[in-house]
Amino acid sequence: MLGGRLIGLDRPQAFTVAIELGIKNGT
């Protein structure tokens, strides 16, 4: 979220990157 916004991503993109980093392939 924060890093994405700092490099100029829009909010939906930053949200998506945050989700990708937070929701991992635990299996």
PDB file of all heavy atoms in Angstrom:
ATOM      1  N   MET A   1       0.818  -1.210   0.000  1.00  0.00           N
ATOM      2  CA  MET A   1       0.000   0.000   0.000  1.00  0.00           C
ATOM      3  C   MET A   1       0.852   1.260   0.000  1.00  0.00           C
ATOM      4  O   MET A   1       0.712   2.116  -0.869  1.00  0.00           O
ATOM      5  CB  MET A   1      -0.927   0.003   1.217  1.00  0.00           C
ATOM      6  CG  MET A   1      -2.125  -0.930   1.097  1.00  0.00           C
ATOM      7  SD  MET A   1      -3.215  -0.572  -0.325  1.00  0.00           S
ATOM      8  CE  MET A   1      -3.713   1.112   0.026  1.00  0.00           C
ATOM      9  N   LEU A   2       1.731   1.390   0.995  1.00  0.00           N
ATOM     10  CA  LEU A   2       2.521   2.619   1.126  1.00  0.00           C
ATOM     11  C   LEU A   2       3.618   2.706   0.060  1.00  0.00           C
ATOM     12  O   LEU A   2       3.800   3.737  -0.580  1.00  0.00           O
ATOM     13  CB  LEU A   2       3.132   2.699   2.520  1.00  0.00           C
ATOM     14  CG  LEU A   2       2.121   2.681   3.684  1.00  0.00           C
ATOM     15  CD1 LEU A   2       2.846   2.759   5.013  1.00  0.00           C
ATOM     16  CD2 LEU A   2       1.118   3.813   3.543  1.00  0.00           C
ATOM     17  N   GLY A   3       4.343   1.597  -0.110  1.00  0.00           N
ATOM     18  CA  GLY A   3       5.394   1.593  -1.128  1.00  0.00           C
ATOM     19  C   GLY A   3       4.826   1.809  -2.518  1.00  0.00           C
ATOM     20  O   GLY A   3       5.398   2.542  -3.332  1.00  0.00           O
ATOM     21  N   GLY A   4       3.698   1.167  -2.790  1.00  0.00           N
ATOM     22  CA  GLY A   4       3.069   1.331  -4.091  1.00  0.00           C
ATOM     23  C   GLY A   4       2.663   2.769  -4.361  1.00  0.00           C
ATOM     24  O   GLY A   4       2.884   3.303  -5.457  1.00  0.00           O
ATOM     25  N   ARG A   5       2.069   3.403  -3.367  1.00  0.00           N
ATOM     26  CA  ARG A   5       1.654   4.801  -3.536  1.00  0.00           C
ATOM     27  C   ARG A   5       2.862   5.718  -3.706  1.00  0.00           C
ATOM     28  O   ARG A   5       2.822   6.670  -4.477  1.00  0.00           O
ATOM     29  CB  ARG A   5       0.814   5.250  -2.335  1.00  0.00           C
ATOM     30  CG  ARG A   5      -0.523   4.537  -2.207  1.00  0.00           C
ATOM     31  CD  ARG A   5      -1.447   4.859  -3.351  1.00  0.00           C
ATOM     32  NE  ARG A   5      -2.016   6.191  -3.221  1.00  0.00           N
ATOM     33  CZ  ARG A   5      -2.573   6.866  -4.211  1.00  0.00           C
ATOM     34  NH1 ARG A   5      -2.591   6.336  -5.433  1.00  0.00           N
ATOM     35  NH2 ARG A   5      -3.092   8.069  -4.014  1.00  0.00           N
ATOM     36  N   LEU A   6       3.953   5.402  -2.999  1.00  0.00           N
ATOM     37  CA  LEU A   6       5.152   6.236  -3.093  1.00  0.00           C
ATOM     38  C   LEU A   6       5.764   6.211  -4.491  1.00  0.00           C
ATOM     39  O   LEU A   6       6.343   7.206  -4.941  1.00  0.00           O
ATOM     40  CB  LEU A   6       6.191   5.787  -2.062  1.00  0.00           C
ATOM     41  CG  LEU A   6       5.922   6.200  -0.613  1.00  0.00           C
ATOM     42  CD1 LEU A   6       6.954   5.573   0.316  1.00  0.00           C
ATOM     43  CD2 LEU A   6       5.937   7.733  -0.465  1.00  0.00           C
ATOM     44  N   ILE A   7       5.654   5.087  -5.191  1.00  0.00           N
ATOM     45  CA  ILE A   7       6.228   5.007  -6.537  1.00  0.00           C
ATOM     46  C   ILE A   7       5.219   5.409  -7.609  1.00  0.00           C
ATOM     47  O   ILE A   7       5.496   5.284  -8.806  1.00  0.00           O
ATOM     48  CB  ILE A   7       6.778   3.601  -6.839  1.00  0.00           C
ATOM     49  CG1 ILE A   7       5.643   2.583  -6.938  1.00  0.00           C
ATOM     50  CG2 ILE A   7       7.804   3.176  -5.822  1.00  0.00           C
ATOM     51  CD1 ILE A   7       6.067   1.271  -7.562  1.00  0.00           C
ATOM     52  N   GLY A   8       4.032   5.851  -7.180  1.00  0.00           N
ATOM     53  CA  GLY A   8       3.079   6.410  -8.142  1.00  0.00           C
ATOM     54  C   GLY A   8       1.974   5.495  -8.600  1.00  0.00           C
ATOM     55  O   GLY A   8       1.263   5.821  -9.561  1.00  0.00           O
ATOM     56  N   LEU A   9       1.771   4.349  -7.947  1.00  0.00           N
ATOM     57  CA  LEU A   9       0.660   3.478  -8.330  1.00  0.00           C
ATOM     58  C   LEU A   9      -0.654   4.090  -7.863  1.00  0.00           C
ATOM     59  O   LEU A   9      -0.710   4.785  -6.845  1.00  0.00           O
ATOM     60  CB  LEU A   9       0.816   2.088  -7.700  1.00  0.00           C
ATOM     61  CG  LEU A   9       2.108   1.313  -7.995  1.00  0.00           C
ATOM     62  CD1 LEU A   9       2.018  -0.099  -7.416  1.00  0.00           C
ATOM     63  CD2 LEU A   9       2.387   1.263  -9.485  1.00  0.00           C
ATOM     64  N   ASP A  10      -1.738   3.836  -8.602  1.00  0.00           N
ATOM     65  CA  ASP A  10      -3.030   4.304  -8.130  1.00  0.00           C
ATOM     66  C   ASP A  10      -3.506   3.395  -6.995  1.00  0.00           C
ATOM     67  O   ASP A  10      -2.900   2.356  -6.719  1.00  0.00           O
ATOM     68  CB  ASP A  10      -4.057   4.383  -9.266  1.00  0.00           C
ATOM     69  CG  ASP A  10      -4.333   3.026  -9.920  1.00  0.00           C
ATOM     70  OD1 ASP A  10      -4.275   1.993  -9.214  1.00  0.00           O
ATOM     71  OD2 ASP A  10      -4.619   2.997 -11.129  1.00  0.00           O
ATOM     72  N   ARG A  11      -4.568   3.796  -6.315  1.00  0.00           N
ATOM     73  CA  ARG A  11      -4.993   3.080  -5.112  1.00  0.00           C
ATOM     74  C   ARG A  11      -5.410   1.637  -5.389  1.00  0.00           C
ATOM     75  O   ARG A  11      -5.037   0.733  -4.632  1.00  0.00           O
ATOM     76  CB  ARG A  11      -6.112   3.859  -4.420  1.00  0.00           C
ATOM     77  CG  ARG A  11      -5.605   5.181  -3.827  1.00  0.00           C
ATOM     78  CD  ARG A  11      -6.714   6.063  -3.316  1.00  0.00           C
ATOM     79  NE  ARG A  11      -7.351   5.465  -2.149  1.00  0.00           N
ATOM     80  CZ  ARG A  11      -8.659   5.343  -1.995  1.00  0.00           C
ATOM     81  NH1 ARG A  11      -9.479   5.753  -2.942  1.00  0.00           N
ATOM     82  NH2 ARG A  11      -9.148   4.829  -0.902  1.00  0.00           N
ATOM     83  N   PRO A  12      -6.181   1.350  -6.452  1.00  0.00           N
ATOM     84  CA  PRO A  12      -6.497  -0.057  -6.733  1.00  0.00           C
ATOM     85  C   PRO A  12      -5.256  -0.908  -6.999  1.00  0.00           C
ATOM     86  O   PRO A  12      -5.190  -2.070  -6.576  1.00  0.00           O
ATOM     87  CB  PRO A  12      -7.405   0.030  -7.968  1.00  0.00           C
ATOM     88  CG  PRO A  12      -8.028   1.380  -7.887  1.00  0.00           C
ATOM     89  CD  PRO A  12      -6.939   2.258  -7.337  1.00  0.00           C
ATOM     90  N   GLN A  13      -4.261  -0.350  -7.692  1.00  0.00           N
ATOM     91  CA  GLN A  13      -3.032  -1.101  -7.959  1.00  0.00           C
ATOM     92  C   GLN A  13      -2.250  -1.351  -6.673  1.00  0.00           C
ATOM     93  O   GLN A  13      -1.759  -2.465  -6.440  1.00  0.00           O
ATOM     94  CB  GLN A  13      -2.158  -0.345  -8.961  1.00  0.00           C
ATOM     95  CG  GLN A  13      -2.672  -0.340 -10.383  1.00  0.00           C
ATOM     96  CD  GLN A  13      -1.789   0.466 -11.304  1.00  0.00           C
ATOM     97  OE1 GLN A  13      -1.217   1.488 -10.916  1.00  0.00           O
ATOM     98  NE2 GLN A  13      -1.651   0.020 -12.549  1.00  0.00           N
ATOM     99  N   ALA A  14      -2.108  -0.312  -5.841  1.00  0.00           N
ATOM    100  CA  ALA A  14      -1.385  -0.464  -4.583  1.00  0.00           C
ATOM    101  C   ALA A  14      -2.094  -1.471  -3.685  1.00  0.00           C
ATOM    102  O   ALA A  14      -1.450  -2.304  -3.023  1.00  0.00           O
ATOM    103  CB  ALA A  14      -1.270   0.888  -3.873  1.00  0.00           C
ATOM    104  N   PHE A  15      -3.422  -1.420  -3.640  1.00  0.00           N
ATOM    105  CA  PHE A  15      -4.203  -2.388  -2.870  1.00  0.00           C
ATOM    106  C   PHE A  15      -3.938  -3.804  -3.363  1.00  0.00           C
ATOM    107  O   PHE A  15      -3.746  -4.734  -2.576  1.00  0.00           O
ATOM    108  CB  PHE A  15      -5.695  -2.052  -3.004  1.00  0.00           C
ATOM    109  CG  PHE A  15      -6.622  -3.101  -2.434  1.00  0.00           C
ATOM    110  CD1 PHE A  15      -6.884  -3.159  -1.067  1.00  0.00           C
ATOM    111  CD2 PHE A  15      -7.229  -4.033  -3.261  1.00  0.00           C
ATOM    112  CE1 PHE A  15      -7.732  -4.134  -0.551  1.00  0.00           C
ATOM    113  CE2 PHE A  15      -8.068  -5.000  -2.759  1.00  0.00           C
ATOM    114  CZ  PHE A  15      -8.323  -5.050  -1.394  1.00  0.00           C
ATOM    115  N   THR A  16      -3.903  -3.969  -4.674  1.00  0.00           N
ATOM    116  CA  THR A  16      -3.685  -5.296  -5.258  1.00  0.00           C
ATOM    117  C   THR A  16      -2.297  -5.828  -4.927  1.00  0.00           C
ATOM    118  O   THR A  16      -2.136  -7.013  -4.581  1.00  0.00           O
ATOM    119  CB  THR A  16      -3.876  -5.232  -6.784  1.00  0.00           C
ATOM    120  OG1 THR A  16      -5.196  -4.769  -7.072  1.00  0.00           O
ATOM    121  CG2 THR A  16      -3.673  -6.604  -7.416  1.00  0.00           C
ATOM    122  N   VAL A  17      -1.273  -4.976  -5.032  1.00  0.00           N
ATOM    123  CA  VAL A  17       0.081  -5.411  -4.686  1.00  0.00           C
ATOM    124  C   VAL A  17       0.157  -5.793  -3.212  1.00  0.00           C
ATOM    125  O   VAL A  17       0.787  -6.791  -2.839  1.00  0.00           O
ATOM    126  CB  VAL A  17       1.107  -4.297  -5.000  1.00  0.00           C
ATOM    127  CG1 VAL A  17       2.495  -4.680  -4.480  1.00  0.00           C
ATOM    128  CG2 VAL A  17       1.171  -4.039  -6.503  1.00  0.00           C
ATOM    129  N   ALA A  18      -0.515  -5.019  -2.356  1.00  0.00           N
ATOM    130  CA  ALA A  18      -0.547  -5.342  -0.925  1.00  0.00           C
ATOM    131  C   ALA A  18      -1.177  -6.705  -0.688  1.00  0.00           C
ATOM    132  O   ALA A  18      -0.681  -7.503   0.117  1.00  0.00           O
ATOM    133  CB  ALA A  18      -1.312  -4.262  -0.163  1.00  0.00           C
ATOM    134  N   ILE A  19      -2.260  -6.981  -1.379  1.00  0.00           N
ATOM    135  CA  ILE A  19      -2.927  -8.278  -1.248  1.00  0.00           C
ATOM    136  C   ILE A  19      -2.002  -9.401  -1.704  1.00  0.00           C
ATOM    137  O   ILE A  19      -1.914 -10.458  -1.062  1.00  0.00           O
ATOM    138  CB  ILE A  19      -4.238  -8.297  -2.058  1.00  0.00           C
ATOM    139  CG1 ILE A  19      -5.293  -7.411  -1.378  1.00  0.00           C
ATOM    140  CG2 ILE A  19      -4.774  -9.722  -2.209  1.00  0.00           C
ATOM    141  CD1 ILE A  19      -5.755  -7.911  -0.031  1.00  0.00           C
ATOM    142  N   GLU A  20      -1.295  -9.186  -2.806  1.00  0.00           N
ATOM    143  CA  GLU A  20      -0.380 -10.214  -3.306  1.00  0.00           C
ATOM    144  C   GLU A  20       0.738 -10.493  -2.305  1.00  0.00           C
ATOM    145  O   GLU A  20       1.194 -11.635  -2.163  1.00  0.00           O
ATOM    146  CB  GLU A  20       0.226  -9.772  -4.645  1.00  0.00           C
ATOM    147  CG  GLU A  20      -0.715  -9.884  -5.816  1.00  0.00           C
ATOM    148  CD  GLU A  20      -1.118 -11.309  -6.112  1.00  0.00           C
ATOM    149  OE1 GLU A  20      -0.246 -12.202  -6.119  1.00  0.00           O
ATOM    150  OE2 GLU A  20      -2.319 -11.546  -6.322  1.00  0.00           O
ATOM    151  N   LEU A  21       1.186  -9.453  -1.604  1.00  0.00           N
ATOM    152  CA  LEU A  21       2.250  -9.639  -0.616  1.00  0.00           C
ATOM    153  C   LEU A  21       1.718 -10.240   0.675  1.00  0.00           C
ATOM    154  O   LEU A  21       2.446 -10.926   1.398  1.00  0.00           O
ATOM    155  CB  LEU A  21       2.919  -8.289  -0.317  1.00  0.00           C
ATOM    156  CG  LEU A  21       3.692  -7.641  -1.464  1.00  0.00           C
ATOM    157  CD1 LEU A  21       4.228  -6.282  -1.048  1.00  0.00           C
ATOM    158  CD2 LEU A  21       4.822  -8.534  -1.930  1.00  0.00           C
ATOM    159  N   GLY A  22       0.466  -9.976   0.989  1.00  0.00           N
ATOM    160  CA  GLY A  22      -0.097 -10.449   2.256  1.00  0.00           C
ATOM    161  C   GLY A  22      -0.724 -11.821   2.191  1.00  0.00           C
ATOM    162  O   GLY A  22      -0.674 -12.587   3.158  1.00  0.00           O
ATOM    163  N   ILE A  23      -1.333 -12.168   1.069  1.00  0.00           N
ATOM    164  CA  ILE A  23      -2.014 -13.464   0.920  1.00  0.00           C
ATOM    165  C   ILE A  23      -1.095 -14.398   0.156  1.00  0.00           C
ATOM    166  O   ILE A  23      -0.997 -14.337  -1.071  1.00  0.00           O
ATOM    167  CB  ILE A  23      -3.354 -13.303   0.186  1.00  0.00           C
ATOM    168  CG1 ILE A  23      -4.215 -12.256   0.885  1.00  0.00           C
ATOM    169  CG2 ILE A  23      -4.084 -14.637   0.129  1.00  0.00           C
ATOM    170  CD1 ILE A  23      -4.625 -12.613   2.295  1.00  0.00           C
ATOM    171  N   LYS A  24      -0.420 -15.256   0.880  1.00  0.00           N
ATOM    172  CA  LYS A  24       0.602 -16.106   0.265  1.00  0.00           C
ATOM    173  C   LYS A  24       0.123 -17.536   0.044  1.00  0.00           C
ATOM    174  O   LYS A  24      -0.928 -17.947   0.555  1.00  0.00           O
ATOM    175  CB  LYS A  24       1.857 -16.119   1.143  1.00  0.00           C
ATOM    176  CG  LYS A  24       2.625 -14.823   1.078  1.00  0.00           C
ATOM    177  CD  LYS A  24       3.946 -14.943   1.814  1.00  0.00           C
ATOM    178  CE  LYS A  24       4.884 -13.841   1.391  1.00  0.00           C
ATOM    179  NZ  LYS A  24       5.334 -13.946  -0.002  1.00  0.00           N
ATOM    180  N   ASN A  25       0.898 -18.270  -0.713  1.00  0.00           N
ATOM    181  CA  ASN A  25       0.602 -19.682  -0.963  1.00  0.00           C
ATOM    182  C   ASN A  25       1.091 -20.500   0.230  1.00  0.00           C
ATOM    183  O   ASN A  25       2.150 -21.117   0.204  1.00  0.00           O
ATOM    184  CB  ASN A  25       1.285 -20.146  -2.253  1.00  0.00           C
ATOM    185  CG  ASN A  25       0.797 -21.506  -2.711  1.00  0.00           C
ATOM    186  OD1 ASN A  25       0.261 -22.280  -1.916  1.00  0.00           O
ATOM    187  ND2 ASN A  25       0.972 -21.800  -3.977  1.00  0.00           N
ATOM    188  N   GLY A  26       0.287 -20.473   1.307  1.00  0.00           N
ATOM    189  CA  GLY A  26       0.663 -21.187   2.526  1.00  0.00           C
ATOM    190  C   GLY A  26       0.761 -22.682   2.328  1.00  0.00           C
ATOM    191  O   GLY A  26       1.555 -23.368   2.988  1.00  0.00           O
ATOM    192  N   THR A  27      -0.046 -23.217   1.411  1.00  0.00           N
ATOM    193  CA  THR A  27       0.010 -24.655   1.125  1.00  0.00           C
ATOM    194  C   THR A  27       1.377 -25.053   0.600  1.00  0.00           C
ATOM    195  O   THR A  27       1.916 -26.102   0.961  1.00  0.00           O
ATOM    196  CB  THR A  27      -1.072 -25.030   0.092  1.00  0.00           C
ATOM    197  OG1 THR A  27      -2.348 -24.622   0.581  1.00  0.00           O
ATOM    198  CG2 THR A  27      -1.094 -26.538  -0.146  1.00  0.00           C
TER     199      THR A  27
END
